[in-house]
Amino acid sequence: MDFQFMGSSMGSVVGEKITRLVEHAGNQLLPLILVCASGGACMQEGSLSLMQMAKISSALYEYQKNKRLFYVSILTSPTTGGVTASFGMLGDIIIAEPDAYIAFAGKRVIEQTLNTTIPEGSQGSC
């Protein structure tokens, strides 16, 4: 995923490609390493982009649980939104680059929802 293009948003094409990659790795009994960098779901596609979270997660469930294969998720900066809520956090091993911004929602959204301030750096890796 390339953050330079549309914030590396996850749309239907990205979802299909990642799903096919997971299925191919499962069929060939290969380990899987995904490098994640995303601004979240592609707003321009609406619900189609949100469906990719479930689609990829379902393929990973088959890959990890039923075929018992190994999945490593590498989180780069930023990894946010739907990628964090789905395949970014499903790895058997999850690795983050130093100082990567990793979050489901942004700091402002969390603070407004919870009506509290969150500590600086709470959404960054060590």
C-alpha atoms as a PDB file:
ATOM      1  CA  MET A   1       0.000   0.000   0.000  1.00  0.00           C
ATOM      2  CA  ASP A   2       1.455   3.350  -1.037  1.00  0.00           C
ATOM      3  CA  PHE A   3       0.536   6.278   1.234  1.00  0.00           C
ATOM      4  CA  GLN A   4       1.567   8.741  -1.501  1.00  0.00           C
ATOM      5  CA  PHE A   5      -1.503   7.711  -3.555  1.00  0.00           C
ATOM      6  CA  MET A   6      -4.782   8.886  -1.975  1.00  0.00           C
ATOM      7  CA  GLY A   7      -3.402   8.368   1.516  1.00  0.00           C
ATOM      8  CA  SER A   8      -3.176   4.661   0.751  1.00  0.00           C
ATOM      9  CA  SER A   9      -6.903   4.384   1.321  1.00  0.00           C
ATOM     10  CA  MET A  10      -8.342   0.883   1.163  1.00  0.00           C
ATOM     11  CA  GLY A  11     -10.976   0.518  -1.539  1.00  0.00           C
ATOM     12  CA  SER A  12     -12.552  -2.394  -3.373  1.00  0.00           C
ATOM     13  CA  VAL A  13      -9.546  -3.011  -5.647  1.00  0.00           C
ATOM     14  CA  VAL A  14      -7.088  -3.037  -2.741  1.00  0.00           C
ATOM     15  CA  GLY A  15      -9.422  -5.318  -0.789  1.00  0.00           C
ATOM     16  CA  GLU A  16      -9.720  -7.734  -3.706  1.00  0.00           C
ATOM     17  CA  LYS A  17      -5.951  -7.825  -4.275  1.00  0.00           C
ATOM     18  CA  ILE A  18      -5.157  -8.457  -0.616  1.00  0.00           C
ATOM     19  CA  THR A  19      -7.889 -11.111  -0.383  1.00  0.00           C
ATOM     20  CA  ARG A  20      -6.493 -12.893  -3.450  1.00  0.00           C
ATOM     21  CA  LEU A  21      -2.984 -12.656  -2.005  1.00  0.00           C
ATOM     22  CA  VAL A  22      -4.150 -14.282   1.249  1.00  0.00           C
ATOM     23  CA  GLU A  23      -6.025 -17.001  -0.659  1.00  0.00           C
ATOM     24  CA  HIS A  24      -3.007 -17.678  -2.894  1.00  0.00           C
ATOM     25  CA  ALA A  25      -0.687 -17.929   0.117  1.00  0.00           C
ATOM     26  CA  GLY A  26      -3.149 -20.336   1.730  1.00  0.00           C
ATOM     27  CA  ASN A  27      -3.455 -22.506  -1.377  1.00  0.00           C
ATOM     28  CA  GLN A  28       0.334 -22.679  -1.743  1.00  0.00           C
ATOM     29  CA  LEU A  29       0.843 -23.164   2.039  1.00  0.00           C
ATOM     30  CA  LEU A  30       3.081 -20.078   2.183  1.00  0.00           C
ATOM     31  CA  PRO A  31       3.696 -17.768   5.147  1.00  0.00           C
ATOM     32  CA  LEU A  32       2.276 -14.277   4.689  1.00  0.00           C
ATOM     33  CA  ILE A  33       3.855 -10.899   5.445  1.00  0.00           C
ATOM     34  CA  LEU A  34       1.827  -7.736   4.852  1.00  0.00           C
ATOM     35  CA  VAL A  35       3.335  -4.259   5.176  1.00  0.00           C
ATOM     36  CA  CYS A  36       0.543  -1.871   6.124  1.00  0.00           C
ATOM     37  CA  ALA A  37       0.364   1.895   5.580  1.00  0.00           C
ATOM     38  CA  SER A  38      -3.088   3.358   5.238  1.00  0.00           C
ATOM     39  CA  GLY A  39      -5.241   6.344   5.969  1.00  0.00           C
ATOM     40  CA  GLY A  40      -8.248   4.022   6.283  1.00  0.00           C
ATOM     41  CA  ALA A  41     -11.180   3.128   4.068  1.00  0.00           C
ATOM     42  CA  CYS A  42     -11.645   4.973   0.766  1.00  0.00           C
ATOM     43  CA  MET A  43     -14.376   7.551   1.407  1.00  0.00           C
ATOM     44  CA  GLN A  44     -15.132   7.899  -2.307  1.00  0.00           C
ATOM     45  CA  GLU A  45     -16.335   4.272  -2.490  1.00  0.00           C
ATOM     46  CA  GLY A  46     -18.640   4.400   0.520  1.00  0.00           C
ATOM     47  CA  SER A  47     -19.812   1.048   1.860  1.00  0.00           C
ATOM     48  CA  LEU A  48     -17.861  -0.929  -0.773  1.00  0.00           C
ATOM     49  CA  SER A  49     -14.621   0.094   0.892  1.00  0.00           C
ATOM     50  CA  LEU A  50     -15.948  -0.778   4.353  1.00  0.00           C
ATOM     51  CA  MET A  51     -16.883  -4.259   3.128  1.00  0.00           C
ATOM     52  CA  GLN A  52     -13.202  -4.917   2.407  1.00  0.00           C
ATOM     53  CA  MET A  53     -12.472  -5.055   6.133  1.00  0.00           C
ATOM     54  CA  ALA A  54     -14.731  -8.097   6.541  1.00  0.00           C
ATOM     55  CA  LYS A  55     -13.629  -9.645   3.247  1.00  0.00           C
ATOM     56  CA  ILE A  56      -9.933  -9.560   4.116  1.00  0.00           C
ATOM     57  CA  SER A  57     -10.552 -10.590   7.735  1.00  0.00           C
ATOM     58  CA  SER A  58     -12.593 -13.574   6.564  1.00  0.00           C
ATOM     59  CA  ALA A  59      -9.830 -14.682   4.184  1.00  0.00           C
ATOM     60  CA  LEU A  60      -7.281 -14.317   6.996  1.00  0.00           C
ATOM     61  CA  TYR A  61      -9.468 -16.380   9.330  1.00  0.00           C
ATOM     62  CA  GLU A  62      -9.456 -19.216   6.798  1.00  0.00           C
ATOM     63  CA  TYR A  63      -5.706 -18.775   6.320  1.00  0.00           C
ATOM     64  CA  GLN A  64      -4.785 -18.695  10.029  1.00  0.00           C
ATOM     65  CA  LYS A  65      -7.325 -20.919  11.750  1.00  0.00           C
ATOM     66  CA  ASN A  66      -8.274 -23.572   9.238  1.00  0.00           C
ATOM     67  CA  LYS A  67      -4.973 -23.908   7.377  1.00  0.00           C
ATOM     68  CA  ARG A  68      -2.859 -23.002  10.425  1.00  0.00           C
ATOM     69  CA  LEU A  69      -0.474 -20.807   8.472  1.00  0.00           C
ATOM     70  CA  PHE A  70       1.689 -17.954   9.765  1.00  0.00           C
ATOM     71  CA  TYR A  71       0.828 -14.275   9.183  1.00  0.00           C
ATOM     72  CA  VAL A  72       3.096 -11.336  10.073  1.00  0.00           C
ATOM     73  CA  SER A  73       1.694  -7.803   9.997  1.00  0.00           C
ATOM     74  CA  ILE A  74       4.188  -4.942   9.712  1.00  0.00           C
ATOM     75  CA  LEU A  75       2.692  -1.553  10.575  1.00  0.00           C
ATOM     76  CA  THR A  76       4.286   1.556   9.085  1.00  0.00           C
ATOM     77  CA  SER A  77       3.334   5.172   9.632  1.00  0.00           C
ATOM     78  CA  PRO A  78       0.475   5.863   9.371  1.00  0.00           C
ATOM     79  CA  THR A  79      -1.698   2.789   9.780  1.00  0.00           C
ATOM     80  CA  THR A  80      -5.179   3.964  10.666  1.00  0.00           C
ATOM     81  CA  GLY A  81      -8.887   3.357  10.261  1.00  0.00           C
ATOM     82  CA  GLY A  82     -10.178   0.208   8.611  1.00  0.00           C
ATOM     83  CA  VAL A  83      -6.745  -1.334   8.127  1.00  0.00           C
ATOM     84  CA  THR A  84      -6.086  -1.073  11.861  1.00  0.00           C
ATOM     85  CA  ALA A  85      -9.576  -2.390  12.616  1.00  0.00           C
ATOM     86  CA  SER A  86      -9.111  -5.402  10.351  1.00  0.00           C
ATOM     87  CA  PHE A  87      -6.039  -7.074   8.873  1.00  0.00           C
ATOM     88  CA  GLY A  88      -3.443  -4.777  10.430  1.00  0.00           C
ATOM     89  CA  MET A  89      -4.108  -6.175  13.902  1.00  0.00           C
ATOM     90  CA  LEU A  90      -4.787  -9.813  12.989  1.00  0.00           C
ATOM     91  CA  GLY A  91      -1.208 -10.980  12.584  1.00  0.00           C
ATOM     92  CA  ASP A  92       0.247 -13.873  14.522  1.00  0.00           C
ATOM     93  CA  ILE A  93       3.085 -11.407  15.011  1.00  0.00           C
ATOM     94  CA  ILE A  94       2.558  -7.642  14.721  1.00  0.00           C
ATOM     95  CA  ILE A  95       5.611  -5.437  14.208  1.00  0.00           C
ATOM     96  CA  ALA A  96       5.585  -1.637  14.010  1.00  0.00           C
ATOM     97  CA  GLU A  97       8.295   0.637  12.710  1.00  0.00           C
ATOM     98  CA  PRO A  98       9.670   3.065  15.318  1.00  0.00           C
ATOM     99  CA  ASP A  99       7.446   6.100  15.954  1.00  0.00           C
ATOM    100  CA  ALA A 100       4.716   4.828  13.612  1.00  0.00           C
ATOM    101  CA  TYR A 101       1.307   6.480  13.981  1.00  0.00           C
ATOM    102  CA  ILE A 102      -1.124   3.606  14.574  1.00  0.00           C
ATOM    103  CA  ALA A 103      -4.763   4.314  15.377  1.00  0.00           C
ATOM    104  CA  PHE A 104      -8.322   3.413  14.557  1.00  0.00           C
ATOM    105  CA  ALA A 105      -9.566   6.980  15.014  1.00  0.00           C
ATOM    106  CA  GLY A 106      -7.685  10.240  15.271  1.00  0.00           C
ATOM    107  CA  LYS A 107      -6.882  11.948  18.545  1.00  0.00           C
ATOM    108  CA  ARG A 108      -9.529  14.654  18.080  1.00  0.00           C
ATOM    109  CA  VAL A 109     -12.285  12.118  17.361  1.00  0.00           C
ATOM    110  CA  ILE A 110     -11.388  10.072  20.442  1.00  0.00           C
ATOM    111  CA  GLU A 111     -11.242  13.147  22.663  1.00  0.00           C
ATOM    112  CA  GLN A 112     -14.594  14.454  21.430  1.00  0.00           C
ATOM    113  CA  THR A 113     -16.243  11.040  21.769  1.00  0.00           C
ATOM    114  CA  LEU A 114     -14.918  10.332  25.270  1.00  0.00           C
ATOM    115  CA  ASN A 115     -15.005  13.992  26.357  1.00  0.00           C
ATOM    116  CA  THR A 116     -11.495  13.680  27.745  1.00  0.00           C
ATOM    117  CA  THR A 117      -7.937  14.294  26.628  1.00  0.00           C
ATOM    118  CA  ILE A 118      -5.724  11.411  25.652  1.00  0.00           C
ATOM    119  CA  PRO A 119      -1.993  11.440  26.399  1.00  0.00           C
ATOM    120  CA  GLU A 120       0.407  12.641  23.744  1.00  0.00           C
ATOM    121  CA  GLY A 121       2.059   9.734  21.939  1.00  0.00           C
ATOM    122  CA  SER A 122      -0.596   7.195  22.916  1.00  0.00           C
ATOM    123  CA  GLN A 123      -1.127   6.292  19.260  1.00  0.00           C
ATOM    124  CA  GLY A 124       2.524   5.859  18.405  1.00  0.00           C
ATOM    125  CA  SER A 125       4.797   2.850  18.500  1.00  0.00           C
ATOM    126  CA  CYS A 126       7.878   2.756  20.712  1.00  0.00           C
END
